[in-house]
PDB file of N, CA and C in Angstrom:
ATOM      1  N   UNK A   1       0.835  -1.177   0.000  1.00  0.00           N
ATOM      2  CA  UNK A   1       0.000   0.000   0.000  1.00  0.00           C
ATOM      3  C   UNK A   1       0.881   1.241   0.000  1.00  0.00           C
ATOM      4  N   UNK A   2       0.426   2.223  -0.698  1.00  0.00           N
ATOM      5  CA  UNK A   2       1.160   3.482  -0.729  1.00  0.00           C
ATOM      6  C   UNK A   2       0.227   4.588  -0.266  1.00  0.00           C
ATOM      7  N   UNK A   3       0.657   5.324   0.735  1.00  0.00           N
ATOM      8  CA  UNK A   3      -0.142   6.411   1.288  1.00  0.00           C
ATOM      9  C   UNK A   3       0.455   7.741   0.870  1.00  0.00           C
ATOM     10  N   UNK A   4      -0.380   8.598   0.339  1.00  0.00           N
ATOM     11  CA  UNK A   4       0.048   9.940  -0.043  1.00  0.00           C
ATOM     12  C   UNK A   4      -0.235  10.848   1.151  1.00  0.00           C
ATOM     13  N   UNK A   5       0.820  11.416   1.704  1.00  0.00           N
ATOM     14  CA  UNK A   5       0.686  12.268   2.881  1.00  0.00           C
ATOM     15  C   UNK A   5       1.016  13.708   2.522  1.00  0.00           C
ATOM     16  N   UNK A   6       0.922  14.583   3.501  1.00  0.00           N
ATOM     17  CA  UNK A   6       1.188  16.010   3.280  1.00  0.00           C
ATOM     18  C   UNK A   6       2.636  16.298   2.875  1.00  0.00           C
ATOM     19  N   UNK A   7       3.543  15.365   3.137  1.00  0.00           N
ATOM     20  CA  UNK A   7       4.939  15.612   2.782  1.00  0.00           C
ATOM     21  C   UNK A   7       5.176  15.532   1.273  1.00  0.00           C
ATOM     22  N   UNK A   8       4.221  15.035   0.508  1.00  0.00           N
ATOM     23  CA  UNK A   8       4.319  15.022  -0.951  1.00  0.00           C
ATOM     24  C   UNK A   8       3.772  16.336  -1.489  1.00  0.00           C
ATOM     25  N   UNK A   9       4.628  17.149  -2.115  1.00  0.00           N
ATOM     26  CA  UNK A   9       4.149  18.405  -2.692  1.00  0.00           C
ATOM     27  C   UNK A   9       3.652  18.187  -4.120  1.00  0.00           C
ATOM     28  N   UNK A  10       4.189  17.154  -4.782  1.00  0.00           N
ATOM     29  CA  UNK A  10       3.714  16.783  -6.112  1.00  0.00           C
ATOM     30  C   UNK A  10       3.967  15.296  -6.313  1.00  0.00           C
ATOM     31  N   UNK A  11       3.118  14.639  -7.102  1.00  0.00           N
ATOM     32  CA  UNK A  11       3.326  13.209  -7.338  1.00  0.00           C
ATOM     33  C   UNK A  11       4.620  12.969  -8.127  1.00  0.00           C
ATOM     34  N   UNK A  12       5.404  12.019  -7.666  1.00  0.00           N
ATOM     35  CA  UNK A  12       6.675  11.740  -8.326  1.00  0.00           C
ATOM     36  C   UNK A  12       6.661  10.400  -9.054  1.00  0.00           C
ATOM     37  N   UNK A  13       5.554   9.707  -8.987  1.00  0.00           N
ATOM     38  CA  UNK A  13       5.316   8.518  -9.788  1.00  0.00           C
ATOM     39  C   UNK A  13       6.333   7.405  -9.664  1.00  0.00           C
ATOM     40  N   UNK A  14       6.878   7.003 -10.810  1.00  0.00           N
ATOM     41  CA  UNK A  14       7.737   5.824 -10.905  1.00  0.00           C
ATOM     42  C   UNK A  14       8.974   5.936 -10.033  1.00  0.00           C
ATOM     43  N   UNK A  15       9.561   7.118  -9.946  1.00  0.00           N
ATOM     44  CA  UNK A  15      10.773   7.281  -9.138  1.00  0.00           C
ATOM     45  C   UNK A  15      10.539   6.869  -7.692  1.00  0.00           C
ATOM     46  N   UNK A  16       9.452   7.347  -7.095  1.00  0.00           N
ATOM     47  CA  UNK A  16       9.155   7.037  -5.695  1.00  0.00           C
ATOM     48  C   UNK A  16       8.896   5.549  -5.532  1.00  0.00           C
ATOM     49  N   UNK A  17       8.143   4.977  -6.453  1.00  0.00           N
ATOM     50  CA  UNK A  17       7.840   3.546  -6.389  1.00  0.00           C
ATOM     51  C   UNK A  17       9.115   2.719  -6.530  1.00  0.00           C
ATOM     52  N   UNK A  18       9.984   3.099  -7.471  1.00  0.00           N
ATOM     53  CA  UNK A  18      11.233   2.373  -7.684  1.00  0.00           C
ATOM     54  C   UNK A  18      12.122   2.434  -6.449  1.00  0.00           C
ATOM     55  N   UNK A  19      12.252   3.616  -5.857  1.00  0.00           N
ATOM     56  CA  UNK A  19      13.095   3.764  -4.671  1.00  0.00           C
ATOM     57  C   UNK A  19      12.518   3.014  -3.472  1.00  0.00           C
ATOM     58  N   UNK A  20      11.200   3.031  -3.315  1.00  0.00           N
ATOM     59  CA  UNK A  20      10.567   2.292  -2.223  1.00  0.00           C
ATOM     60  C   UNK A  20      10.787   0.793  -2.388  1.00  0.00           C
ATOM     61  N   UNK A  21      10.703   0.311  -3.632  1.00  0.00           N
ATOM     62  CA  UNK A  21      10.949  -1.108  -3.912  1.00  0.00           C
ATOM     63  C   UNK A  21      12.402  -1.457  -3.634  1.00  0.00           C
ATOM     64  N   UNK A  22      13.319  -0.598  -4.060  1.00  0.00           N
ATOM     65  CA  UNK A  22      14.746  -0.842  -3.812  1.00  0.00           C
ATOM     66  C   UNK A  22      15.020  -0.935  -2.308  1.00  0.00           C
ATOM     67  N   UNK A  23      14.445  -0.018  -1.556  1.00  0.00           N
ATOM     68  CA  UNK A  23      14.636  -0.018  -0.099  1.00  0.00           C
ATOM     69  C   UNK A  23      14.059  -1.289   0.525  1.00  0.00           C
ATOM     70  N   UNK A  24      12.882  -1.710   0.061  1.00  0.00           N
ATOM     71  CA  UNK A  24      12.247  -2.912   0.603  1.00  0.00           C
ATOM     72  C   UNK A  24      13.074  -4.166   0.304  1.00  0.00           C
ATOM     73  N   UNK A  25      13.621  -4.251  -0.898  1.00  0.00           N
ATOM     74  CA  UNK A  25      14.412  -5.422  -1.285  1.00  0.00           C
ATOM     75  C   UNK A  25      15.725  -5.475  -0.517  1.00  0.00           C
ATOM     76  N   UNK A  26      16.301  -4.322  -0.200  1.00  0.00           N
ATOM     77  CA  UNK A  26      17.572  -4.286   0.512  1.00  0.00           C
ATOM     78  C   UNK A  26      17.435  -4.527   2.010  1.00  0.00           C
ATOM     79  N   UNK A  27      16.223  -4.416   2.546  1.00  0.00           N
ATOM     80  CA  UNK A  27      16.001  -4.675   3.973  1.00  0.00           C
ATOM     81  C   UNK A  27      15.746  -6.156   4.226  1.00  0.00           C
ATOM     82  N   UNK A  28      16.011  -6.557   5.430  1.00  0.00           N
ATOM     83  CA  UNK A  28      15.752  -7.942   5.827  1.00  0.00           C
ATOM     84  C   UNK A  28      14.241  -8.155   5.932  1.00  0.00           C
ATOM     85  N   UNK A  29      13.714  -9.233   5.341  1.00  0.00           N
ATOM     86  CA  UNK A  29      12.264  -9.449   5.379  1.00  0.00           C
ATOM     87  C   UNK A  29      11.777  -9.812   6.777  1.00  0.00           C
ATOM     88  N   UNK A  30      10.523  -9.497   7.026  1.00  0.00           N
ATOM     89  CA  UNK A  30       9.869  -9.897   8.275  1.00  0.00           C
ATOM     90  C   UNK A  30       9.044 -11.131   7.948  1.00  0.00           C
ATOM     91  N   UNK A  31       9.239 -12.200   8.693  1.00  0.00           N
ATOM     92  CA  UNK A  31       8.507 -13.435   8.436  1.00  0.00           C
ATOM     93  C   UNK A  31       7.415 -13.612   9.484  1.00  0.00           C
ATOM     94  N   UNK A  32       6.274 -14.106   9.051  1.00  0.00           N
ATOM     95  CA  UNK A  32       5.129 -14.323   9.929  1.00  0.00           C
ATOM     96  C   UNK A  32       4.699 -15.776   9.818  1.00  0.00           C
ATOM     97  N   UNK A  33       4.176 -16.303  10.905  1.00  0.00           N
ATOM     98  CA  UNK A  33       3.741 -17.699  10.896  1.00  0.00           C
ATOM     99  C   UNK A  33       2.345 -17.863  10.317  1.00  0.00           C
ATOM    100  N   UNK A  34       1.620 -16.757  10.126  1.00  0.00           N
ATOM    101  CA  UNK A  34       0.285 -16.850   9.533  1.00  0.00           C
ATOM    102  C   UNK A  34      -0.082 -15.531   8.859  1.00  0.00           C
ATOM    103  N   UNK A  35      -1.059 -15.603   7.984  1.00  0.00           N
ATOM    104  CA  UNK A  35      -1.536 -14.399   7.306  1.00  0.00           C
ATOM    105  C   UNK A  35      -2.169 -13.439   8.310  1.00  0.00           C
ATOM    106  N   UNK A  36      -2.845 -13.998   9.288  1.00  0.00           N
ATOM    107  CA  UNK A  36      -3.504 -13.155  10.291  1.00  0.00           C
ATOM    108  C   UNK A  36      -2.490 -12.294  11.045  1.00  0.00           C
ATOM    109  N   UNK A  37      -1.365 -12.883  11.427  1.00  0.00           N
ATOM    110  CA  UNK A  37      -0.322 -12.127  12.121  1.00  0.00           C
ATOM    111  C   UNK A  37       0.267 -11.046  11.215  1.00  0.00           C
ATOM    112  N   UNK A  38       0.423 -11.370   9.934  1.00  0.00           N
ATOM    113  CA  UNK A  38       0.947 -10.394   8.985  1.00  0.00           C
ATOM    114  C   UNK A  38      -0.010  -9.209   8.840  1.00  0.00           C
ATOM    115  N   UNK A  39      -1.303  -9.496   8.687  1.00  0.00           N
ATOM    116  CA  UNK A  39      -2.278  -8.417   8.559  1.00  0.00           C
ATOM    117  C   UNK A  39      -2.356  -7.588   9.828  1.00  0.00           C
ATOM    118  N   UNK A  40      -2.278  -8.246  10.970  1.00  0.00           N
ATOM    119  CA  UNK A  40      -2.274  -7.533  12.255  1.00  0.00           C
ATOM    120  C   UNK A  40      -1.100  -6.571  12.334  1.00  0.00           C
ATOM    121  N   UNK A  41       0.089  -7.069  11.985  1.00  0.00           N
ATOM    122  CA  UNK A  41       1.293  -6.241  12.008  1.00  0.00           C
ATOM    123  C   UNK A  41       1.140  -5.053  11.067  1.00  0.00           C
ATOM    124  N   UNK A  42       0.689  -5.319   9.821  1.00  0.00           N
ATOM    125  CA  UNK A  42       0.539  -4.254   8.820  1.00  0.00           C
ATOM    126  C   UNK A  42      -0.470  -3.217   9.287  1.00  0.00           C
ATOM    127  N   UNK A  43      -1.581  -3.672   9.851  1.00  0.00           N
ATOM    128  CA  UNK A  43      -2.615  -2.744  10.322  1.00  0.00           C
ATOM    129  C   UNK A  43      -2.079  -1.828  11.418  1.00  0.00           C
ATOM    130  N   UNK A  44      -1.368  -2.397  12.391  1.00  0.00           N
ATOM    131  CA  UNK A  44      -0.816  -1.586  13.481  1.00  0.00           C
ATOM    132  C   UNK A  44       0.292  -0.652  12.989  1.00  0.00           C
ATOM    133  N   UNK A  45       1.118  -1.140  12.061  1.00  0.00           N
ATOM    134  CA  UNK A  45       2.189  -0.319  11.506  1.00  0.00           C
ATOM    135  C   UNK A  45       1.618   0.895  10.772  1.00  0.00           C
ATOM    136  N   UNK A  46       0.619   0.651   9.930  1.00  0.00           N
ATOM    137  CA  UNK A  46       0.005   1.745   9.160  1.00  0.00           C
ATOM    138  C   UNK A  46      -0.700   2.720  10.083  1.00  0.00           C
ATOM    139  N   UNK A  47      -1.370   2.191  11.099  1.00  0.00           N
ATOM    140  CA  UNK A  47      -2.073   3.064  12.044  1.00  0.00           C
ATOM    141  C   UNK A  47      -1.076   3.948  12.791  1.00  0.00           C
ATOM    142  N   UNK A  48       0.069   3.360  13.180  1.00  0.00           N
ATOM    143  CA  UNK A  48       1.079   4.105  13.931  1.00  0.00           C
ATOM    144  C   UNK A  48       1.801   5.119  13.046  1.00  0.00           C
ATOM    145  N   UNK A  49       2.188   4.706  11.843  1.00  0.00           N
ATOM    146  CA  UNK A  49       2.998   5.570  10.981  1.00  0.00           C
ATOM    147  C   UNK A  49       2.176   6.625  10.241  1.00  0.00           C
ATOM    148  N   UNK A  50       0.990   6.256   9.767  1.00  0.00           N
ATOM    149  CA  UNK A  50       0.202   7.161   8.931  1.00  0.00           C
ATOM    150  C   UNK A  50      -1.102   7.612   9.579  1.00  0.00           C
ATOM    151  N   UNK A  51      -1.388   7.093  10.766  1.00  0.00           N
ATOM    152  CA  UNK A  51      -2.630   7.411  11.462  1.00  0.00           C
ATOM    153  C   UNK A  51      -3.844   7.143  10.557  1.00  0.00           C
ATOM    154  N   UNK A  52      -3.826   6.003   9.882  1.00  0.00           N
ATOM    155  CA  UNK A  52      -4.890   5.646   8.951  1.00  0.00           C
ATOM    156  C   UNK A  52      -5.504   4.308   9.349  1.00  0.00           C
ATOM    157  N   UNK A  53      -6.792   4.187   9.136  1.00  0.00           N
ATOM    158  CA  UNK A  53      -7.498   2.941   9.393  1.00  0.00           C
ATOM    159  C   UNK A  53      -7.622   2.199   8.060  1.00  0.00           C
ATOM    160  N   UNK A  54      -7.025   1.018   7.972  1.00  0.00           N
ATOM    161  CA  UNK A  54      -7.004   0.278   6.716  1.00  0.00           C
ATOM    162  C   UNK A  54      -8.088  -0.793   6.625  1.00  0.00           C
ATOM    163  N   UNK A  55      -8.936  -0.895   7.620  1.00  0.00           N
ATOM    164  CA  UNK A  55      -9.977  -1.929   7.598  1.00  0.00           C
ATOM    165  C   UNK A  55     -10.821  -1.849   6.333  1.00  0.00           C
ATOM    166  N   UNK A  56     -11.240  -0.651   5.973  1.00  0.00           N
ATOM    167  CA  UNK A  56     -12.069  -0.473   4.789  1.00  0.00           C
ATOM    168  C   UNK A  56     -11.319  -0.871   3.517  1.00  0.00           C
ATOM    169  N   UNK A  57     -10.045  -0.502   3.427  1.00  0.00           N
ATOM    170  CA  UNK A  57      -9.243  -0.866   2.252  1.00  0.00           C
ATOM    171  C   UNK A  57      -9.090  -2.380   2.134  1.00  0.00           C
ATOM    172  N   UNK A  58      -8.810  -3.043   3.255  1.00  0.00           N
ATOM    173  CA  UNK A  58      -8.632  -4.487   3.236  1.00  0.00           C
ATOM    174  C   UNK A  58      -9.936  -5.197   2.892  1.00  0.00           C
ATOM    175  N   UNK A  59     -11.046  -4.685   3.393  1.00  0.00           N
ATOM    176  CA  UNK A  59     -12.343  -5.307   3.108  1.00  0.00           C
ATOM    177  C   UNK A  59     -12.751  -5.145   1.654  1.00  0.00           C
ATOM    178  N   UNK A  60     -12.299  -4.093   0.983  1.00  0.00           N
ATOM    179  CA  UNK A  60     -12.664  -3.854  -0.408  1.00  0.00           C
ATOM    180  C   UNK A  60     -11.648  -4.403  -1.413  1.00  0.00           C
ATOM    181  N   UNK A  61     -10.548  -4.949  -0.933  1.00  0.00           N
ATOM    182  CA  UNK A  61      -9.482  -5.414  -1.815  1.00  0.00           C
ATOM    183  C   UNK A  61      -9.909  -6.629  -2.629  1.00  0.00           C
ATOM    184  N   UNK A  62      -9.839  -6.500  -3.954  1.00  0.00           N
ATOM    185  CA  UNK A  62     -10.155  -7.622  -4.841  1.00  0.00           C
ATOM    186  C   UNK A  62      -9.071  -8.695  -4.757  1.00  0.00           C
ATOM    187  N   UNK A  63      -7.828  -8.259  -4.607  1.00  0.00           N
ATOM    188  CA  UNK A  63      -6.716  -9.203  -4.525  1.00  0.00           C
ATOM    189  C   UNK A  63      -6.845 -10.087  -3.291  1.00  0.00           C
ATOM    190  N   UNK A  64      -7.121  -9.491  -2.138  1.00  0.00           N
ATOM    191  CA  UNK A  64      -7.267 -10.284  -0.917  1.00  0.00           C
ATOM    192  C   UNK A  64      -8.467 -11.217  -0.996  1.00  0.00           C
ATOM    193  N   UNK A  65      -9.550 -10.748  -1.603  1.00  0.00           N
ATOM    194  CA  UNK A  65     -10.734 -11.591  -1.771  1.00  0.00           C
ATOM    195  C   UNK A  65     -10.387 -12.802  -2.628  1.00  0.00           C
ATOM    196  N   UNK A  66      -9.641 -12.578  -3.701  1.00  0.00           N
ATOM    197  CA  UNK A  66      -9.238 -13.666  -4.581  1.00  0.00           C
ATOM    198  C   UNK A  66      -8.359 -14.674  -3.850  1.00  0.00           C
ATOM    199  N   UNK A  67      -7.421 -14.185  -3.046  1.00  0.00           N
ATOM    200  CA  UNK A  67      -6.527 -15.077  -2.299  1.00  0.00           C
ATOM    201  C   UNK A  67      -7.321 -15.911  -1.288  1.00  0.00           C
ATOM    202  N   UNK A  68      -8.282 -15.285  -0.627  1.00  0.00           N
ATOM    203  CA  UNK A  68      -9.090 -15.994   0.367  1.00  0.00           C
ATOM    204  C   UNK A  68      -9.974 -17.060  -0.274  1.00  0.00           C
ATOM    205  N   UNK A  69     -10.484 -16.785  -1.476  1.00  0.00           N
ATOM    206  CA  UNK A  69     -11.419 -17.698  -2.127  1.00  0.00           C
ATOM    207  C   UNK A  69     -10.737 -18.690  -3.068  1.00  0.00           C
ATOM    208  N   UNK A  70      -9.452 -18.517  -3.302  1.00  0.00           N
ATOM    209  CA  UNK A  70      -8.739 -19.383  -4.251  1.00  0.00           C
ATOM    210  C   UNK A  70      -8.713 -20.812  -3.725  1.00  0.00           C
ATOM    211  N   UNK A  71      -9.036 -21.738  -4.611  1.00  0.00           N
ATOM    212  CA  UNK A  71      -9.042 -23.145  -4.220  1.00  0.00           C
ATOM    213  C   UNK A  71      -7.640 -23.737  -4.361  1.00  0.00           C
ATOM    214  N   UNK A  72      -7.345 -24.669  -3.520  1.00  0.00           N
ATOM    215  CA  UNK A  72      -6.076 -25.396  -3.589  1.00  0.00           C
ATOM    216  C   UNK A  72      -6.204 -26.517  -4.609  1.00  0.00           C
ATOM    217  N   UNK A  73      -5.111 -26.875  -5.225  1.00  0.00           N
ATOM    218  CA  UNK A  73      -5.112 -27.917  -6.235  1.00  0.00           C
ATOM    219  C   UNK A  73      -5.662 -29.238  -5.684  1.00  0.00           C
ATOM    220  N   UNK A  74      -5.361 -29.529  -4.438  1.00  0.00           N
ATOM    221  CA  UNK A  74      -5.819 -30.774  -3.815  1.00  0.00           C
ATOM    222  C   UNK A  74      -7.343 -30.824  -3.650  1.00  0.00           C
ATOM    223  N   UNK A  75      -8.014 -29.679  -3.689  1.00  0.00           N
ATOM    224  CA  UNK A  75      -9.466 -29.650  -3.550  1.00  0.00           C
ATOM    225  C   UNK A  75     -10.161 -30.227  -4.783  1.00  0.00           C
ATOM    226  N   UNK A  76      -9.453 -30.335  -5.898  1.00  0.00           N
ATOM    227  CA  UNK A  76     -10.040 -30.867  -7.120  1.00  0.00           C
ATOM    228  C   UNK A  76      -9.813 -32.352  -7.257  1.00  0.00           C
ATOM    229  N   UNK A  77      -9.000 -32.946  -6.403  1.00  0.00           N
ATOM    230  CA  UNK A  77      -8.661 -34.378  -6.513  1.00  0.00           C
ATOM    231  C   UNK A  77      -9.774 -35.262  -6.020  1.00  0.00           C
TER     232      UNK A  77
END
């Protein structure tokens, strides 16, 4: 997720996205034992850093809905 805050005076597009990706790849990943723990961490992090409530965004996400409803290959056997 990318949040546009007051510190952005103008959209910088690809440059900002590229630099954010570079920074993320160079950092050590955080591993979670479950999706629920990952979402909990992300929700608290976003709330603390951006003072934003992401519940509505997560509930409307088509990608998350697809992941939740996706069938496993073994379900067809």
